[in-house]
Amino acid sequence: QVQLVESGGGLVQAGGSLRLSCVASTRTFNWFSMGWFRQAPGKEREFAAAISRSGGTPSYADSVKGRFTVSRDSAKNTVFLQMNSLKPEDTAVYYCAAGPHAATDAAGYDYWGQGTQVTVSS
């Protein structure tokens, strides 16, 4: 069993930045690819970013490409999502997830965190 705990959400003005963190409680963190998803009110959960077990070749949704950066620190069992140039449409609950592959589909992940709220004001 893997427990994931996100932090770093909050309220920010448009154009601002936030850095989300997700700590995994497992000794096998390096076995997992990690993903970030988000869900806005009244909308389905959508893919934002993913990073493989090795940390190479991150993938991004078109809506966040060039503004968000995903990274991982295996020594700290942590995956990060640096979010710059935030827009009101980025407002959502952000979830991290762990799975065998850096998938863009939520079904490809086995473990999920509880989420952290990000609100971007205009």
C-alpha atoms as a PDB file:
ATOM      1  CA  GLN A   1       0.000   0.000   0.000  1.00  0.00           C
ATOM      2  CA  VAL A   2       1.256   3.461  -0.934  1.00  0.00           C
ATOM      3  CA  GLN A   3      -0.008   6.603   0.752  1.00  0.00           C
ATOM      4  CA  LEU A   4       0.326   9.902  -1.074  1.00  0.00           C
ATOM      5  CA  VAL A   5      -0.013  13.289   0.599  1.00  0.00           C
ATOM      6  CA  GLU A   6      -0.170  16.480  -1.444  1.00  0.00           C
ATOM      7  CA  SER A   7       0.583  19.971  -0.183  1.00  0.00           C
ATOM      8  CA  GLY A   8       1.318  23.427  -1.502  1.00  0.00           C
ATOM      9  CA  GLY A   9      -2.071  24.462  -2.812  1.00  0.00           C
ATOM     10  CA  GLY A  10      -3.617  27.813  -2.073  1.00  0.00           C
ATOM     11  CA  LEU A  11      -4.997  31.040  -3.468  1.00  0.00           C
ATOM     12  CA  VAL A  12      -2.914  32.962  -5.981  1.00  0.00           C
ATOM     13  CA  GLN A  13      -3.528  35.770  -8.440  1.00  0.00           C
ATOM     14  CA  ALA A  14      -3.445  35.170 -12.163  1.00  0.00           C
ATOM     15  CA  GLY A  15       0.129  35.196 -13.409  1.00  0.00           C
ATOM     16  CA  GLY A  16       1.454  33.903 -10.111  1.00  0.00           C
ATOM     17  CA  SER A  17       3.156  30.636  -9.210  1.00  0.00           C
ATOM     18  CA  LEU A  18       2.676  27.718  -6.868  1.00  0.00           C
ATOM     19  CA  ARG A  19       4.703  24.601  -6.184  1.00  0.00           C
ATOM     20  CA  LEU A  20       2.837  21.464  -5.271  1.00  0.00           C
ATOM     21  CA  SER A  21       4.499  18.585  -3.446  1.00  0.00           C
ATOM     22  CA  CYS A  22       3.431  14.982  -3.064  1.00  0.00           C
ATOM     23  CA  VAL A  23       5.168  12.751  -0.536  1.00  0.00           C
ATOM     24  CA  ALA A  24       4.887   8.991  -0.931  1.00  0.00           C
ATOM     25  CA  SER A  25       5.037   6.719   2.104  1.00  0.00           C
ATOM     26  CA  THR A  26       6.766   3.759   0.525  1.00  0.00           C
ATOM     27  CA  ARG A  27      10.240   2.287   0.367  1.00  0.00           C
ATOM     28  CA  THR A  28       9.657   1.473  -3.275  1.00  0.00           C
ATOM     29  CA  PHE A  29       9.118   5.020  -4.575  1.00  0.00           C
ATOM     30  CA  ASN A  30      11.535   4.377  -7.445  1.00  0.00           C
ATOM     31  CA  TRP A  31       9.274   1.577  -8.705  1.00  0.00           C
ATOM     32  CA  PHE A  32       6.497   4.032  -9.510  1.00  0.00           C
ATOM     33  CA  SER A  33       5.821   6.524 -12.226  1.00  0.00           C
ATOM     34  CA  MET A  34       3.991   9.566 -10.889  1.00  0.00           C
ATOM     35  CA  GLY A  35       1.211  11.648 -12.338  1.00  0.00           C
ATOM     36  CA  TRP A  36      -0.599  14.875 -11.546  1.00  0.00           C
ATOM     37  CA  PHE A  37      -4.270  15.244 -12.351  1.00  0.00           C
ATOM     38  CA  ARG A  38      -6.765  17.982 -11.630  1.00  0.00           C
ATOM     39  CA  GLN A  39     -10.507  18.280 -11.261  1.00  0.00           C
ATOM     40  CA  ALA A  40     -12.438  21.522 -11.510  1.00  0.00           C
ATOM     41  CA  PRO A  41     -15.970  21.863 -10.106  1.00  0.00           C
ATOM     42  CA  GLY A  42     -18.495  20.162 -12.355  1.00  0.00           C
ATOM     43  CA  LYS A  43     -15.800  18.706 -14.602  1.00  0.00           C
ATOM     44  CA  GLU A  44     -14.121  15.352 -14.980  1.00  0.00           C
ATOM     45  CA  ARG A  45     -10.679  14.675 -13.621  1.00  0.00           C
ATOM     46  CA  GLU A  46      -8.062  15.488 -16.262  1.00  0.00           C
ATOM     47  CA  PHE A  47      -4.414  14.757 -16.806  1.00  0.00           C
ATOM     48  CA  ALA A  48      -1.901  17.525 -16.140  1.00  0.00           C
ATOM     49  CA  ALA A  49       1.595  16.001 -16.035  1.00  0.00           C
ATOM     50  CA  ALA A  50       3.477  12.755 -15.510  1.00  0.00           C
ATOM     51  CA  ILE A  51       7.032  11.640 -14.878  1.00  0.00           C
ATOM     52  CA  SER A  52       8.518   8.183 -15.293  1.00  0.00           C
ATOM     53  CA  ARG A  53      10.321   6.118 -12.647  1.00  0.00           C
ATOM     54  CA  SER A  54      13.660   7.290 -14.006  1.00  0.00           C
ATOM     55  CA  GLY A  55      12.590  10.925 -14.071  1.00  0.00           C
ATOM     56  CA  GLY A  56      13.163  11.191 -17.793  1.00  0.00           C
ATOM     57  CA  THR A  57      10.842  12.481 -20.529  1.00  0.00           C
ATOM     58  CA  PRO A  58       8.037  14.129 -18.552  1.00  0.00           C
ATOM     59  CA  SER A  59       4.718  14.500 -20.337  1.00  0.00           C
ATOM     60  CA  TYR A  60       2.226  17.356 -20.115  1.00  0.00           C
ATOM     61  CA  ALA A  61      -1.285  18.205 -21.144  1.00  0.00           C
ATOM     62  CA  ASP A  62      -1.378  20.811 -23.896  1.00  0.00           C
ATOM     63  CA  SER A  63      -3.194  23.181 -21.544  1.00  0.00           C
ATOM     64  CA  VAL A  64      -0.228  23.337 -19.128  1.00  0.00           C
ATOM     65  CA  LYS A  65       2.737  22.761 -21.443  1.00  0.00           C
ATOM     66  CA  GLY A  66       5.337  25.490 -21.113  1.00  0.00           C
ATOM     67  CA  ARG A  67       3.906  26.671 -17.757  1.00  0.00           C
ATOM     68  CA  PHE A  68       4.055  23.585 -15.514  1.00  0.00           C
ATOM     69  CA  THR A  69       7.107  21.466 -14.695  1.00  0.00           C
ATOM     70  CA  VAL A  70       6.989  18.055 -13.022  1.00  0.00           C
ATOM     71  CA  SER A  71      10.022  16.679 -11.203  1.00  0.00           C
ATOM     72  CA  ARG A  72      10.875  14.100  -8.570  1.00  0.00           C
ATOM     73  CA  ASP A  73      13.347  13.708  -5.736  1.00  0.00           C
ATOM     74  CA  SER A  74      13.837  10.041  -4.966  1.00  0.00           C
ATOM     75  CA  ALA A  75      15.853  10.778  -1.831  1.00  0.00           C
ATOM     76  CA  LYS A  76      12.777  12.497  -0.394  1.00  0.00           C
ATOM     77  CA  ASN A  77      10.121  10.224  -1.924  1.00  0.00           C
ATOM     78  CA  THR A  78       8.583  13.368  -3.361  1.00  0.00           C
ATOM     79  CA  VAL A  79       7.194  14.509  -6.686  1.00  0.00           C
ATOM     80  CA  PHE A  80       6.720  18.200  -7.434  1.00  0.00           C
ATOM     81  CA  LEU A  81       4.590  20.256  -9.768  1.00  0.00           C
ATOM     82  CA  GLN A  82       5.915  23.754 -10.367  1.00  0.00           C
ATOM     83  CA  MET A  83       3.110  25.878 -11.768  1.00  0.00           C
ATOM     84  CA  ASN A  84       3.939  29.245 -13.324  1.00  0.00           C
ATOM     85  CA  SER A  85       1.872  31.829 -15.177  1.00  0.00           C
ATOM     86  CA  LEU A  86      -1.245  30.525 -13.526  1.00  0.00           C
ATOM     87  CA  LYS A  87      -4.623  31.264 -15.071  1.00  0.00           C
ATOM     88  CA  PRO A  88      -8.123  31.253 -13.545  1.00  0.00           C
ATOM     89  CA  GLU A  89      -8.880  28.145 -15.593  1.00  0.00           C
ATOM     90  CA  ASP A  90      -6.170  26.297 -13.651  1.00  0.00           C
ATOM     91  CA  THR A  91      -8.428  26.437 -10.591  1.00  0.00           C
ATOM     92  CA  ALA A  92      -9.048  22.857  -9.471  1.00  0.00           C
ATOM     93  CA  VAL A  93      -8.260  20.221  -6.892  1.00  0.00           C
ATOM     94  CA  TYR A  94      -4.896  18.744  -7.827  1.00  0.00           C
ATOM     95  CA  TYR A  95      -4.175  15.081  -7.186  1.00  0.00           C
ATOM     96  CA  CYS A  96      -0.977  13.104  -7.411  1.00  0.00           C
ATOM     97  CA  ALA A  97      -1.034   9.448  -8.363  1.00  0.00           C
ATOM     98  CA  ALA A  98       1.379   6.510  -8.496  1.00  0.00           C
ATOM     99  CA  GLY A  99       1.401   3.696 -11.028  1.00  0.00           C
ATOM    100  CA  PRO A 100       3.554   1.416 -13.150  1.00  0.00           C
ATOM    101  CA  HIS A 101       3.734   3.790 -16.117  1.00  0.00           C
ATOM    102  CA  ALA A 102       3.671   7.541 -16.741  1.00  0.00           C
ATOM    103  CA  ALA A 103       0.174   7.312 -18.179  1.00  0.00           C
ATOM    104  CA  THR A 104      -2.064  10.169 -19.246  1.00  0.00           C
ATOM    105  CA  ASP A 105      -5.173   8.165 -18.312  1.00  0.00           C
ATOM    106  CA  ALA A 106      -6.261   8.108 -14.671  1.00  0.00           C
ATOM    107  CA  ALA A 107      -7.030   4.399 -15.018  1.00  0.00           C
ATOM    108  CA  GLY A 108      -3.308   3.772 -15.344  1.00  0.00           C
ATOM    109  CA  TYR A 109      -2.648   4.678 -11.712  1.00  0.00           C
ATOM    110  CA  ASP A 110      -3.113   2.503  -8.653  1.00  0.00           C
ATOM    111  CA  TYR A 111      -2.710   4.963  -5.788  1.00  0.00           C
ATOM    112  CA  TRP A 112      -4.066   8.463  -5.266  1.00  0.00           C
ATOM    113  CA  GLY A 113      -3.627  11.286  -2.807  1.00  0.00           C
ATOM    114  CA  GLN A 114      -6.455  13.228  -1.207  1.00  0.00           C
ATOM    115  CA  GLY A 115      -5.871  16.325  -3.324  1.00  0.00           C
ATOM    116  CA  THR A 116      -4.926  19.929  -2.686  1.00  0.00           C
ATOM    117  CA  GLN A 117      -6.995  22.944  -3.743  1.00  0.00           C
ATOM    118  CA  VAL A 118      -5.534  25.498  -6.126  1.00  0.00           C
ATOM    119  CA  THR A 119      -7.526  28.675  -6.704  1.00  0.00           C
ATOM    120  CA  VAL A 120      -6.403  31.306  -9.200  1.00  0.00           C
ATOM    121  CA  SER A 121      -8.140  34.661  -9.010  1.00  0.00           C
ATOM    122  CA  SER A 122      -8.447  36.995 -11.972  1.00  0.00           C
END
